Amino acid sequence: MKKYLLGLTAAALLGMTACTSDKDKDTELPTITDAGIIANPVDCQVYNRGEIIPFHYRFTDNEELGNYNLEIHNNFDHHTHGTQGKSCDPDTEKRNADKAFKYNKDFAIPHGSKTYDATQNIQIPANVEPGDYHFVIRVTDQTGNQQLRAMAIKIK
């Protein structure tokens, strides 16, 4: 009986030390901000085919940032992502989605960063279909919390 109680006590102590409390888990989302910088792109910004989109945003997290993703896809159907700050005049022309600009790339953030100024130059191909597009930013922290921001842009 003593061995049983001793084993049960040891298992209970081991279980208490091996588990972390839900209070300790990072549940705070990282942020995507333009504070202290000139952010680009912004809602309703217009770019020309063959040009570069100079991306610049600041990411912050209470503990540690992980990585970020940039995506550009057509908005020929005028859908939303629920994060656009401004409504832009929609393009009413029928567009060829097969020739739409598509961009989707992940980027690493240096280990240990709580703040990171992200910059990328994204080339718009000269032969893509003009029209309404979404520029989507996703930033993830080290524990997997993710923040998303989508902007409506136009390519002419």
N, C-alpha and C. Protein backbone atom coordinates (compact mmCIF):
# COMPACT_ATOMS: atom_id res chain seq x y z
N MET A 1 0.82 -1.19 0.00
CA MET A 1 0.00 0.00 0.00
C MET A 1 0.87 1.26 0.00
N LYS A 2 1.98 1.22 0.78
CA LYS A 2 2.89 2.37 0.83
C LYS A 2 3.47 2.65 -0.56
N LYS A 3 3.86 1.58 -1.26
CA LYS A 3 4.44 1.75 -2.60
C LYS A 3 3.41 2.36 -3.54
N TYR A 4 2.17 1.93 -3.41
CA TYR A 4 1.10 2.45 -4.26
C TYR A 4 0.90 3.95 -4.01
N LEU A 5 0.82 4.35 -2.74
CA LEU A 5 0.64 5.76 -2.40
C LEU A 5 1.85 6.59 -2.82
N LEU A 6 3.04 6.04 -2.62
CA LEU A 6 4.26 6.73 -3.02
C LEU A 6 4.29 6.94 -4.54
N GLY A 7 3.92 5.92 -5.29
CA GLY A 7 3.87 6.02 -6.76
C GLY A 7 2.82 7.01 -7.21
N LEU A 8 1.67 6.99 -6.56
CA LEU A 8 0.59 7.92 -6.91
C LEU A 8 1.01 9.36 -6.62
N THR A 9 1.66 9.59 -5.50
CA THR A 9 2.13 10.92 -5.13
C THR A 9 3.19 11.40 -6.13
N ALA A 10 4.12 10.53 -6.48
CA ALA A 10 5.17 10.89 -7.44
C ALA A 10 4.56 11.23 -8.80
N ALA A 11 3.59 10.46 -9.24
CA ALA A 11 2.93 10.73 -10.53
C ALA A 11 2.19 12.06 -10.50
N ALA A 12 1.55 12.35 -9.40
CA ALA A 12 0.82 13.61 -9.28
C ALA A 12 1.78 14.80 -9.31
N LEU A 13 2.89 14.69 -8.59
CA LEU A 13 3.89 15.77 -8.60
C LEU A 13 4.50 15.96 -9.98
N LEU A 14 4.81 14.88 -10.64
CA LEU A 14 5.37 14.96 -11.99
C LEU A 14 4.38 15.61 -12.94
N GLY A 15 3.12 15.25 -12.84
CA GLY A 15 2.08 15.83 -13.69
C GLY A 15 1.93 17.32 -13.46
N MET A 16 2.07 17.76 -12.21
CA MET A 16 1.93 19.19 -11.90
C MET A 16 3.10 20.00 -12.46
N THR A 17 4.29 19.43 -12.46
CA THR A 17 5.45 20.18 -12.94
C THR A 17 5.57 20.12 -14.45
N ALA A 18 5.04 19.10 -15.09
CA ALA A 18 5.17 18.95 -16.54
C ALA A 18 4.18 19.80 -17.30
N CYS A 19 3.06 20.14 -16.69
CA CYS A 19 2.02 20.90 -17.38
C CYS A 19 2.17 22.38 -17.09
N THR A 20 1.92 23.19 -18.09
CA THR A 20 1.89 24.63 -17.86
C THR A 20 0.44 25.06 -17.77
N SER A 21 0.21 26.02 -17.00
CA SER A 21 -1.12 26.54 -16.78
C SER A 21 -1.60 27.29 -18.01
N ASP A 22 -2.92 27.29 -18.24
CA ASP A 22 -3.49 28.06 -19.34
C ASP A 22 -3.22 29.55 -19.14
N LYS A 23 -3.02 29.96 -17.86
CA LYS A 23 -2.72 31.35 -17.58
C LYS A 23 -1.39 31.76 -18.21
N ASP A 24 -0.46 30.81 -18.36
CA ASP A 24 0.87 31.10 -18.87
C ASP A 24 0.93 31.10 -20.40
N LYS A 25 -0.10 30.59 -21.06
CA LYS A 25 -0.09 30.48 -22.52
C LYS A 25 -0.30 31.86 -23.16
N ASP A 26 0.50 32.16 -24.15
CA ASP A 26 0.38 33.43 -24.88
C ASP A 26 -0.85 33.38 -25.79
N THR A 27 -1.81 34.22 -25.50
CA THR A 27 -3.02 34.29 -26.32
C THR A 27 -3.17 35.65 -27.00
N GLU A 28 -2.20 36.53 -26.79
CA GLU A 28 -2.26 37.87 -27.37
C GLU A 28 -1.82 37.83 -28.84
N LEU A 29 -2.65 38.42 -29.70
CA LEU A 29 -2.35 38.44 -31.13
C LEU A 29 -1.21 39.42 -31.43
N PRO A 30 -0.38 39.10 -32.41
CA PRO A 30 0.60 40.08 -32.88
C PRO A 30 -0.14 41.23 -33.56
N THR A 31 0.55 42.33 -33.78
CA THR A 31 -0.09 43.48 -34.43
C THR A 31 0.61 43.82 -35.75
N ILE A 32 -0.19 44.37 -36.65
CA ILE A 32 0.28 44.90 -37.92
C ILE A 32 -0.03 46.40 -37.84
N THR A 33 1.00 47.23 -37.87
CA THR A 33 0.78 48.64 -37.63
C THR A 33 1.56 49.52 -38.59
N ASP A 34 1.10 50.77 -38.68
CA ASP A 34 1.83 51.78 -39.45
C ASP A 34 2.42 52.83 -38.50
N ALA A 35 2.36 52.57 -37.20
CA ALA A 35 2.86 53.52 -36.20
C ALA A 35 4.36 53.74 -36.39
N GLY A 36 4.76 54.97 -36.56
CA GLY A 36 6.16 55.34 -36.67
C GLY A 36 6.80 55.10 -38.03
N ILE A 37 6.02 54.67 -39.00
CA ILE A 37 6.56 54.42 -40.35
C ILE A 37 5.58 54.96 -41.39
N ILE A 38 6.02 55.01 -42.62
CA ILE A 38 5.12 55.30 -43.74
C ILE A 38 4.77 53.95 -44.35
N ALA A 39 3.56 53.49 -44.06
CA ALA A 39 3.13 52.15 -44.48
C ALA A 39 2.75 52.14 -45.95
N ASN A 40 2.96 50.99 -46.56
CA ASN A 40 2.60 50.79 -47.96
C ASN A 40 2.42 49.30 -48.20
N PRO A 41 1.34 48.90 -48.90
CA PRO A 41 0.29 49.70 -49.51
C PRO A 41 -0.79 50.07 -48.48
N VAL A 42 -1.66 50.97 -48.91
CA VAL A 42 -2.82 51.36 -48.12
C VAL A 42 -4.06 51.18 -48.99
N ASP A 43 -5.22 51.19 -48.35
CA ASP A 43 -6.48 51.00 -49.08
C ASP A 43 -6.60 51.96 -50.26
N CYS A 44 -7.08 51.40 -51.36
CA CYS A 44 -7.40 52.12 -52.59
C CYS A 44 -6.18 52.63 -53.36
N GLN A 45 -5.00 52.20 -52.98
CA GLN A 45 -3.80 52.61 -53.70
C GLN A 45 -3.80 51.98 -55.10
N VAL A 46 -3.28 52.74 -56.07
CA VAL A 46 -3.27 52.30 -57.47
C VAL A 46 -1.82 52.06 -57.90
N TYR A 47 -1.61 50.91 -58.56
CA TYR A 47 -0.31 50.55 -59.11
C TYR A 47 -0.49 50.22 -60.58
N ASN A 48 0.57 50.40 -61.34
CA ASN A 48 0.55 50.08 -62.77
C ASN A 48 1.24 48.75 -63.02
N ARG A 49 0.77 48.05 -64.03
CA ARG A 49 1.42 46.81 -64.43
C ARG A 49 2.88 47.11 -64.77
N GLY A 50 3.76 46.21 -64.39
CA GLY A 50 5.19 46.39 -64.64
C GLY A 50 5.91 47.14 -63.54
N GLU A 51 5.18 47.74 -62.60
CA GLU A 51 5.78 48.48 -61.50
C GLU A 51 6.05 47.57 -60.30
N ILE A 52 6.66 48.18 -59.29
CA ILE A 52 6.94 47.48 -58.03
C ILE A 52 6.01 48.02 -56.95
N ILE A 53 5.51 47.11 -56.12
CA ILE A 53 4.79 47.51 -54.90
C ILE A 53 5.82 47.49 -53.78
N PRO A 54 6.16 48.66 -53.23
CA PRO A 54 7.13 48.69 -52.13
C PRO A 54 6.41 48.46 -50.79
N PHE A 55 6.40 47.24 -50.31
CA PHE A 55 5.71 46.88 -49.07
C PHE A 55 6.51 47.35 -47.87
N HIS A 56 5.81 47.95 -46.88
CA HIS A 56 6.45 48.34 -45.63
C HIS A 56 5.39 48.43 -44.53
N TYR A 57 5.51 47.57 -43.53
CA TYR A 57 4.67 47.59 -42.33
C TYR A 57 5.49 47.17 -41.14
N ARG A 58 5.03 47.54 -39.95
CA ARG A 58 5.69 47.17 -38.70
C ARG A 58 4.85 46.11 -38.00
N PHE A 59 5.53 45.07 -37.51
CA PHE A 59 4.88 44.00 -36.75
C PHE A 59 5.39 44.05 -35.32
N THR A 60 4.50 43.81 -34.36
CA THR A 60 4.90 43.75 -32.96
C THR A 60 4.20 42.58 -32.27
N ASP A 61 4.82 42.09 -31.20
CA ASP A 61 4.21 41.04 -30.39
C ASP A 61 4.67 41.20 -28.95
N ASN A 62 3.85 40.76 -28.02
CA ASN A 62 4.18 40.88 -26.60
C ASN A 62 5.32 39.93 -26.18
N GLU A 63 5.49 38.81 -26.92
CA GLU A 63 6.55 37.86 -26.56
C GLU A 63 7.58 37.67 -27.66
N GLU A 64 7.15 37.12 -28.80
CA GLU A 64 8.10 36.91 -29.90
C GLU A 64 7.35 36.67 -31.20
N LEU A 65 7.77 37.39 -32.24
CA LEU A 65 7.19 37.21 -33.57
C LEU A 65 7.70 35.92 -34.19
N GLY A 66 6.93 35.39 -35.15
CA GLY A 66 7.32 34.17 -35.83
C GLY A 66 7.68 34.40 -37.28
N ASN A 67 6.66 34.60 -38.13
CA ASN A 67 6.90 34.85 -39.55
C ASN A 67 5.74 35.66 -40.11
N TYR A 68 5.85 36.02 -41.39
CA TYR A 68 4.74 36.72 -42.03
C TYR A 68 4.57 36.23 -43.45
N ASN A 69 3.37 36.49 -43.97
CA ASN A 69 3.01 36.06 -45.31
C ASN A 69 2.38 37.24 -46.03
N LEU A 70 2.75 37.40 -47.30
CA LEU A 70 2.13 38.41 -48.16
C LEU A 70 1.44 37.70 -49.30
N GLU A 71 0.21 38.11 -49.54
CA GLU A 71 -0.59 37.50 -50.60
C GLU A 71 -1.29 38.60 -51.39
N ILE A 72 -1.28 38.46 -52.70
CA ILE A 72 -2.04 39.34 -53.58
C ILE A 72 -2.92 38.43 -54.43
N HIS A 73 -4.20 38.72 -54.44
CA HIS A 73 -5.11 37.95 -55.29
C HIS A 73 -6.18 38.88 -55.84
N ASN A 74 -6.83 38.45 -56.92
CA ASN A 74 -7.82 39.32 -57.55
C ASN A 74 -9.06 39.46 -56.69
N ASN A 75 -9.69 40.58 -56.85
CA ASN A 75 -10.97 40.85 -56.18
C ASN A 75 -12.01 41.16 -57.26
N PHE A 76 -11.97 40.41 -58.33
CA PHE A 76 -12.88 40.65 -59.45
C PHE A 76 -14.33 40.38 -59.05
N ASP A 77 -14.54 39.55 -58.01
CA ASP A 77 -15.90 39.26 -57.54
C ASP A 77 -16.34 40.17 -56.39
N HIS A 78 -15.48 41.10 -55.98
CA HIS A 78 -15.75 42.10 -54.94
C HIS A 78 -16.10 41.47 -53.58
N HIS A 79 -15.34 40.43 -53.20
CA HIS A 79 -15.50 39.83 -51.87
C HIS A 79 -14.75 40.69 -50.85
N THR A 80 -14.92 40.38 -49.57
CA THR A 80 -14.20 41.11 -48.52
C THR A 80 -13.52 40.11 -47.58
N HIS A 81 -12.59 40.64 -46.79
CA HIS A 81 -11.93 39.84 -45.76
C HIS A 81 -12.29 40.37 -44.37
N GLY A 82 -13.12 41.39 -44.33
CA GLY A 82 -13.57 41.94 -43.06
C GLY A 82 -12.56 42.81 -42.35
N THR A 83 -11.42 43.11 -42.98
CA THR A 83 -10.42 43.95 -42.31
C THR A 83 -10.12 45.22 -43.10
N GLN A 84 -10.79 45.39 -44.23
CA GLN A 84 -10.54 46.60 -45.01
C GLN A 84 -11.05 47.81 -44.24
N GLY A 85 -10.23 48.84 -44.20
CA GLY A 85 -10.62 50.04 -43.48
C GLY A 85 -11.43 50.99 -44.34
N LYS A 86 -11.39 50.83 -45.63
CA LYS A 86 -12.00 51.81 -46.52
C LYS A 86 -12.60 51.08 -47.72
N SER A 87 -13.72 51.57 -48.17
CA SER A 87 -14.35 51.00 -49.36
C SER A 87 -13.89 51.81 -50.57
N CYS A 88 -13.48 51.12 -51.60
CA CYS A 88 -12.98 51.77 -52.82
C CYS A 88 -14.02 51.62 -53.93
N ASP A 89 -13.97 52.51 -54.91
CA ASP A 89 -14.87 52.40 -56.04
C ASP A 89 -14.57 51.10 -56.79
N PRO A 90 -15.56 50.21 -56.91
CA PRO A 90 -15.30 48.93 -57.58
C PRO A 90 -15.17 49.07 -59.09
N ASP A 91 -14.31 48.27 -59.65
CA ASP A 91 -14.14 48.17 -61.09
C ASP A 91 -15.34 47.39 -61.63
N THR A 92 -16.04 47.91 -62.60
CA THR A 92 -17.25 47.25 -63.11
C THR A 92 -17.01 46.46 -64.39
N GLU A 93 -15.80 46.51 -64.92
CA GLU A 93 -15.51 45.76 -66.15
C GLU A 93 -15.38 44.27 -65.85
N LYS A 94 -15.77 43.46 -66.81
CA LYS A 94 -15.59 42.01 -66.71
C LYS A 94 -14.10 41.72 -66.87
N ARG A 95 -13.53 40.95 -65.92
CA ARG A 95 -12.09 40.67 -65.92
C ARG A 95 -11.81 39.18 -66.10
N ASN A 96 -10.66 38.87 -66.68
CA ASN A 96 -10.25 37.50 -66.93
C ASN A 96 -9.42 37.00 -65.74
N ALA A 97 -10.04 36.19 -64.89
CA ALA A 97 -9.37 35.69 -63.69
C ALA A 97 -8.17 34.79 -64.02
N ASP A 98 -8.17 34.18 -65.20
CA ASP A 98 -7.04 33.32 -65.58
C ASP A 98 -5.75 34.11 -65.77
N LYS A 99 -5.86 35.41 -66.02
CA LYS A 99 -4.68 36.25 -66.22
C LYS A 99 -4.39 37.16 -65.02
N ALA A 100 -5.09 36.89 -63.91
CA ALA A 100 -4.94 37.72 -62.71
C ALA A 100 -3.57 37.53 -62.07
N PHE A 101 -3.09 38.59 -61.42
CA PHE A 101 -1.84 38.55 -60.68
C PHE A 101 -2.07 37.72 -59.41
N LYS A 102 -1.17 36.77 -59.17
CA LYS A 102 -1.21 35.94 -57.95
C LYS A 102 0.17 35.97 -57.31
N TYR A 103 0.18 36.28 -56.04
CA TYR A 103 1.44 36.33 -55.29
C TYR A 103 1.15 35.78 -53.90
N ASN A 104 1.99 34.88 -53.41
CA ASN A 104 1.83 34.32 -52.07
C ASN A 104 3.19 33.82 -51.59
N LYS A 105 3.75 34.53 -50.60
CA LYS A 105 5.10 34.17 -50.16
C LYS A 105 5.24 34.37 -48.66
N ASP A 106 5.93 33.42 -48.02
CA ASP A 106 6.22 33.48 -46.59
C ASP A 106 7.61 34.07 -46.37
N PHE A 107 7.75 34.79 -45.25
CA PHE A 107 9.02 35.41 -44.90
C PHE A 107 9.32 35.16 -43.42
N ALA A 108 10.56 34.87 -43.11
CA ALA A 108 10.99 34.65 -41.73
C ALA A 108 11.25 35.99 -41.05
N ILE A 109 11.01 36.02 -39.76
CA ILE A 109 11.34 37.16 -38.92
C ILE A 109 12.48 36.70 -38.01
N PRO A 110 13.53 37.50 -37.84
CA PRO A 110 14.66 37.07 -37.01
C PRO A 110 14.22 36.61 -35.61
N HIS A 111 14.79 35.50 -35.17
CA HIS A 111 14.48 34.90 -33.87
C HIS A 111 14.66 35.92 -32.75
N GLY A 112 13.71 35.94 -31.82
CA GLY A 112 13.79 36.83 -30.66
C GLY A 112 13.18 38.20 -30.87
N SER A 113 12.66 38.48 -32.06
CA SER A 113 12.13 39.82 -32.37
C SER A 113 10.74 40.03 -31.76
N LYS A 114 10.58 41.16 -31.08
CA LYS A 114 9.27 41.58 -30.60
C LYS A 114 8.70 42.67 -31.51
N THR A 115 9.59 43.36 -32.22
CA THR A 115 9.21 44.39 -33.20
C THR A 115 10.03 44.14 -34.45
N TYR A 116 9.36 44.27 -35.61
CA TYR A 116 10.06 44.03 -36.87
C TYR A 116 9.46 44.91 -37.95
N ASP A 117 10.31 45.67 -38.63
CA ASP A 117 9.89 46.47 -39.78
C ASP A 117 10.10 45.64 -41.03
N ALA A 118 8.99 45.20 -41.61
CA ALA A 118 9.04 44.33 -42.78
C ALA A 118 9.01 45.17 -44.05
N THR A 119 9.91 44.88 -44.96
CA THR A 119 9.95 45.56 -46.26
C THR A 119 10.21 44.52 -47.34
N GLN A 120 9.51 44.66 -48.43
CA GLN A 120 9.70 43.81 -49.61
C GLN A 120 9.35 44.63 -50.84
N ASN A 121 10.00 44.37 -51.93
CA ASN A 121 9.63 44.96 -53.22
C ASN A 121 9.00 43.86 -54.06
N ILE A 122 7.74 44.04 -54.41
CA ILE A 122 7.00 43.03 -55.15
C ILE A 122 6.76 43.52 -56.57
N GLN A 123 7.31 42.81 -57.51
CA GLN A 123 7.19 43.16 -58.94
C GLN A 123 5.83 42.73 -59.47
N ILE A 124 5.12 43.67 -60.08
CA ILE A 124 3.86 43.35 -60.76
C ILE A 124 4.20 43.02 -62.21
N PRO A 125 3.87 41.83 -62.67
CA PRO A 125 4.16 41.50 -64.07
C PRO A 125 3.42 42.46 -65.02
N ALA A 126 4.03 42.73 -66.15
CA ALA A 126 3.46 43.67 -67.12
C ALA A 126 2.25 43.12 -67.84
N ASN A 127 2.08 41.80 -67.84
CA ASN A 127 1.00 41.21 -68.64
C ASN A 127 -0.19 40.71 -67.82
N VAL A 128 -0.32 41.13 -66.55
CA VAL A 128 -1.45 40.67 -65.73
C VAL A 128 -2.72 41.45 -66.05
N GLU A 129 -3.84 40.85 -65.70
CA GLU A 129 -5.14 41.49 -65.88
C GLU A 129 -5.26 42.67 -64.91
N PRO A 130 -5.61 43.85 -65.42
CA PRO A 130 -5.82 44.98 -64.51
C PRO A 130 -7.13 44.79 -63.74
N GLY A 131 -7.31 45.57 -62.70
CA GLY A 131 -8.58 45.53 -61.95
C GLY A 131 -8.36 45.61 -60.45
N ASP A 132 -9.39 45.15 -59.73
CA ASP A 132 -9.38 45.19 -58.26
C ASP A 132 -8.65 43.98 -57.71
N TYR A 133 -7.82 44.24 -56.69
CA TYR A 133 -7.05 43.19 -56.04
C TYR A 133 -7.09 43.39 -54.53
N HIS A 134 -6.75 42.34 -53.80
CA HIS A 134 -6.53 42.43 -52.37
C HIS A 134 -5.06 42.18 -52.09
N PHE A 135 -4.51 42.99 -51.20
CA PHE A 135 -3.17 42.80 -50.67
C PHE A 135 -3.37 42.36 -49.22
N VAL A 136 -3.00 41.11 -48.91
CA VAL A 136 -3.26 40.53 -47.60
C VAL A 136 -1.94 40.31 -46.86
N ILE A 137 -1.90 40.78 -45.61
CA ILE A 137 -0.75 40.60 -44.73
C ILE A 137 -1.19 39.69 -43.58
N ARG A 138 -0.39 38.66 -43.33
CA ARG A 138 -0.62 37.79 -42.18
C ARG A 138 0.68 37.75 -41.38
N VAL A 139 0.57 37.99 -40.07
CA VAL A 139 1.74 37.85 -39.21
C VAL A 139 1.38 36.88 -38.10
N THR A 140 2.34 35.98 -37.79
CA THR A 140 2.14 34.95 -36.78
C THR A 140 3.23 35.09 -35.73
N ASP A 141 2.84 34.89 -34.46
CA ASP A 141 3.86 34.90 -33.41
C ASP A 141 4.36 33.47 -33.18
N GLN A 142 5.31 33.31 -32.28
CA GLN A 142 5.95 32.00 -32.05
C GLN A 142 4.98 30.95 -31.51
N THR A 143 3.89 31.37 -30.88
CA THR A 143 2.94 30.38 -30.35
C THR A 143 1.80 30.09 -31.33
N GLY A 144 1.83 30.73 -32.50
CA GLY A 144 0.82 30.43 -33.52
C GLY A 144 -0.33 31.41 -33.60
N ASN A 145 -0.36 32.42 -32.76
CA ASN A 145 -1.41 33.44 -32.87
C ASN A 145 -1.19 34.23 -34.16
N GLN A 146 -2.27 34.51 -34.87
CA GLN A 146 -2.14 35.17 -36.17
C GLN A 146 -3.04 36.39 -36.27
N GLN A 147 -2.51 37.44 -36.89
CA GLN A 147 -3.26 38.64 -37.21
C GLN A 147 -3.28 38.81 -38.72
N LEU A 148 -4.39 39.29 -39.25
CA LEU A 148 -4.54 39.46 -40.69
C LEU A 148 -5.00 40.88 -40.97
N ARG A 149 -4.49 41.43 -42.06
CA ARG A 149 -4.95 42.74 -42.54
C ARG A 149 -4.99 42.68 -44.06
N ALA A 150 -6.13 43.05 -44.62
CA ALA A 150 -6.30 43.04 -46.08
C ALA A 150 -6.62 44.45 -46.55
N MET A 151 -6.00 44.84 -47.64
CA MET A 151 -6.26 46.15 -48.26
C MET A 151 -6.74 45.94 -49.69
N ALA A 152 -7.67 46.79 -50.09
CA ALA A 152 -8.10 46.80 -51.48
C ALA A 152 -7.16 47.69 -52.26
N ILE A 153 -6.57 47.15 -53.34
CA ILE A 153 -5.70 47.94 -54.21
C ILE A 153 -6.19 47.77 -55.65
N LYS A 154 -5.69 48.61 -56.53
CA LYS A 154 -6.02 48.50 -57.95
C LYS A 154 -4.74 48.38 -58.76
N ILE A 155 -4.82 47.56 -59.79
CA ILE A 155 -3.71 47.47 -60.74
C ILE A 155 -4.26 47.90 -62.10
N LYS A 156 -3.57 48.89 -62.68
CA LYS A 156 -4.01 49.43 -63.98
C LYS A 156 -3.07 48.99 -65.08
